[in-house]
Amino acid sequence: MPLEYRFPESVREVFIRRDGESVVLTPRPSDWSGFFASGMKASTDFMADIERMPIQERSF
């Protein structure tokens, strides 16, 4: 890989995905702090239409 496209040495793992005919590499975050700091939240109706299944009785 050309030097100008390499990740810094601090990046130990990457995610690999296909976007059409392209292959995209993105650094794998070392923690979730960036995600939580982004302010992304689920909508108020998230999973509102999900049917709750009854609790299954089990013997151990």
N, C-alpha and C. Protein backbone atom coordinates (compact mmCIF):
# COMPACT_ATOMS: atom_id res chain seq x y z
N MET A 1 0.85 -1.16 0.00
CA MET A 1 0.00 0.00 0.00
C MET A 1 0.91 1.24 0.00
N PRO A 2 0.62 2.23 -0.85
CA PRO A 2 1.45 3.43 -0.86
C PRO A 2 1.49 4.10 0.52
N LEU A 3 2.62 4.65 0.85
CA LEU A 3 2.87 5.24 2.16
C LEU A 3 1.82 6.28 2.55
N GLU A 4 1.38 7.10 1.61
CA GLU A 4 0.43 8.17 1.93
C GLU A 4 -0.97 7.64 2.26
N TYR A 5 -1.25 6.36 1.99
CA TYR A 5 -2.55 5.77 2.29
C TYR A 5 -2.53 4.89 3.54
N ARG A 6 -1.39 4.73 4.13
CA ARG A 6 -1.29 3.85 5.31
C ARG A 6 -1.86 4.54 6.54
N PHE A 7 -2.40 3.72 7.42
CA PHE A 7 -2.91 4.23 8.69
C PHE A 7 -1.74 4.48 9.64
N PRO A 8 -1.95 5.35 10.64
CA PRO A 8 -0.89 5.53 11.64
C PRO A 8 -0.63 4.23 12.39
N GLU A 9 0.53 4.11 12.99
CA GLU A 9 0.88 2.89 13.72
C GLU A 9 -0.06 2.61 14.88
N SER A 10 -0.77 3.63 15.36
CA SER A 10 -1.71 3.43 16.47
C SER A 10 -2.94 2.62 16.05
N VAL A 11 -3.23 2.55 14.74
CA VAL A 11 -4.36 1.77 14.24
C VAL A 11 -3.92 0.32 14.13
N ARG A 12 -4.50 -0.53 14.96
CA ARG A 12 -4.11 -1.94 15.01
C ARG A 12 -5.06 -2.84 14.21
N GLU A 13 -6.32 -2.41 14.02
CA GLU A 13 -7.31 -3.20 13.29
C GLU A 13 -8.16 -2.29 12.42
N VAL A 14 -8.67 -2.83 11.32
CA VAL A 14 -9.54 -2.06 10.43
C VAL A 14 -10.80 -2.86 10.13
N PHE A 15 -11.87 -2.13 9.79
CA PHE A 15 -13.09 -2.75 9.26
C PHE A 15 -12.94 -2.75 7.74
N ILE A 16 -13.40 -3.82 7.09
CA ILE A 16 -13.34 -3.93 5.64
C ILE A 16 -14.76 -4.09 5.14
N ARG A 17 -15.16 -3.24 4.17
CA ARG A 17 -16.49 -3.36 3.59
C ARG A 17 -16.42 -3.08 2.10
N ARG A 18 -17.40 -3.59 1.40
CA ARG A 18 -17.48 -3.38 -0.03
C ARG A 18 -18.51 -2.29 -0.29
N ASP A 19 -18.18 -1.34 -1.16
CA ASP A 19 -19.07 -0.27 -1.56
C ASP A 19 -19.09 -0.27 -3.08
N GLY A 20 -20.05 -0.98 -3.65
CA GLY A 20 -20.05 -1.18 -5.10
C GLY A 20 -18.87 -2.03 -5.49
N GLU A 21 -18.03 -1.52 -6.36
CA GLU A 21 -16.83 -2.27 -6.76
C GLU A 21 -15.61 -1.88 -5.94
N SER A 22 -15.78 -0.97 -4.98
CA SER A 22 -14.66 -0.53 -4.15
C SER A 22 -14.60 -1.32 -2.85
N VAL A 23 -13.42 -1.45 -2.32
CA VAL A 23 -13.21 -2.04 -1.00
C VAL A 23 -12.74 -0.90 -0.10
N VAL A 24 -13.46 -0.70 1.02
CA VAL A 24 -13.19 0.44 1.90
C VAL A 24 -12.65 -0.07 3.23
N LEU A 25 -11.52 0.49 3.65
CA LEU A 25 -10.93 0.17 4.95
C LEU A 25 -11.15 1.36 5.87
N THR A 26 -11.66 1.12 7.07
CA THR A 26 -11.81 2.17 8.06
C THR A 26 -11.20 1.69 9.37
N PRO A 27 -10.56 2.58 10.11
CA PRO A 27 -9.95 2.14 11.37
C PRO A 27 -11.01 1.68 12.36
N ARG A 28 -10.71 0.61 13.04
CA ARG A 28 -11.61 0.11 14.09
C ARG A 28 -11.34 0.94 15.34
N PRO A 29 -12.40 1.57 15.90
CA PRO A 29 -12.17 2.37 17.11
C PRO A 29 -11.68 1.51 18.26
N SER A 30 -10.83 2.09 19.09
CA SER A 30 -10.32 1.35 20.24
C SER A 30 -11.31 1.37 21.40
N ASP A 31 -12.27 2.29 21.35
CA ASP A 31 -13.33 2.33 22.36
C ASP A 31 -14.57 2.98 21.75
N TRP A 32 -15.64 3.08 22.51
CA TRP A 32 -16.92 3.59 22.02
C TRP A 32 -17.11 5.08 22.32
N SER A 33 -16.12 5.76 22.87
CA SER A 33 -16.30 7.15 23.30
C SER A 33 -16.71 8.07 22.13
N GLY A 34 -16.15 7.86 20.96
CA GLY A 34 -16.52 8.67 19.80
C GLY A 34 -17.97 8.49 19.41
N PHE A 35 -18.46 7.25 19.48
CA PHE A 35 -19.86 6.97 19.15
C PHE A 35 -20.79 7.67 20.13
N PHE A 36 -20.51 7.53 21.43
CA PHE A 36 -21.37 8.14 22.43
C PHE A 36 -21.29 9.66 22.39
N ALA A 37 -20.14 10.21 22.05
CA ALA A 37 -19.98 11.66 21.96
C ALA A 37 -20.69 12.24 20.74
N SER A 38 -21.00 11.40 19.74
CA SER A 38 -21.65 11.89 18.53
C SER A 38 -23.09 12.31 18.78
N GLY A 39 -23.68 11.88 19.89
CA GLY A 39 -25.05 12.27 20.22
C GLY A 39 -26.11 11.46 19.50
N MET A 40 -25.71 10.42 18.78
CA MET A 40 -26.70 9.60 18.07
C MET A 40 -27.59 8.89 19.09
N LYS A 41 -28.89 8.97 18.85
CA LYS A 41 -29.85 8.32 19.73
C LYS A 41 -30.93 7.65 18.89
N ALA A 42 -31.53 6.62 19.43
CA ALA A 42 -32.64 5.95 18.75
C ALA A 42 -33.88 6.83 18.82
N SER A 43 -34.74 6.72 17.83
CA SER A 43 -35.98 7.49 17.83
C SER A 43 -36.91 6.98 18.93
N THR A 44 -37.90 7.78 19.29
CA THR A 44 -38.82 7.40 20.37
C THR A 44 -39.65 6.17 20.02
N ASP A 45 -39.87 5.91 18.73
CA ASP A 45 -40.66 4.75 18.34
C ASP A 45 -39.79 3.54 17.97
N PHE A 46 -38.51 3.59 18.29
CA PHE A 46 -37.61 2.49 18.00
C PHE A 46 -38.12 1.21 18.66
N MET A 47 -38.32 0.18 17.87
CA MET A 47 -38.79 -1.13 18.31
C MET A 47 -40.18 -1.09 18.92
N ALA A 48 -40.99 -0.08 18.57
CA ALA A 48 -42.35 0.03 19.12
C ALA A 48 -43.26 -1.08 18.60
N ASP A 49 -43.02 -1.57 17.40
CA ASP A 49 -43.88 -2.59 16.80
C ASP A 49 -43.42 -4.01 17.08
N ILE A 50 -42.47 -4.19 17.95
CA ILE A 50 -41.95 -5.52 18.26
C ILE A 50 -42.87 -6.22 19.26
N GLU A 51 -43.25 -7.44 18.91
CA GLU A 51 -44.09 -8.22 19.82
C GLU A 51 -43.22 -8.88 20.88
N ARG A 52 -43.56 -8.65 22.12
CA ARG A 52 -42.82 -9.27 23.22
C ARG A 52 -43.25 -10.72 23.35
N MET A 53 -42.30 -11.60 23.38
CA MET A 53 -42.58 -13.02 23.56
C MET A 53 -42.70 -13.32 25.04
N PRO A 54 -43.56 -14.29 25.39
CA PRO A 54 -43.69 -14.63 26.80
C PRO A 54 -42.39 -15.26 27.34
N ILE A 55 -42.17 -15.11 28.62
CA ILE A 55 -41.00 -15.72 29.26
C ILE A 55 -41.16 -17.22 29.22
N GLN A 56 -40.12 -17.90 28.81
CA GLN A 56 -40.16 -19.36 28.73
C GLN A 56 -39.76 -19.97 30.07
N GLU A 57 -40.56 -20.92 30.51
CA GLU A 57 -40.23 -21.66 31.72
C GLU A 57 -39.20 -22.73 31.37
N ARG A 58 -38.16 -22.82 32.12
CA ARG A 58 -37.12 -23.80 31.85
C ARG A 58 -36.73 -24.51 33.13
N SER A 59 -36.36 -25.76 32.99
CA SER A 59 -35.87 -26.50 34.15
C SER A 59 -34.38 -26.75 33.94
N PHE A 60 -33.63 -26.63 35.01
CA PHE A 60 -32.18 -26.79 34.93
C PHE A 60 -31.75 -28.03 35.63
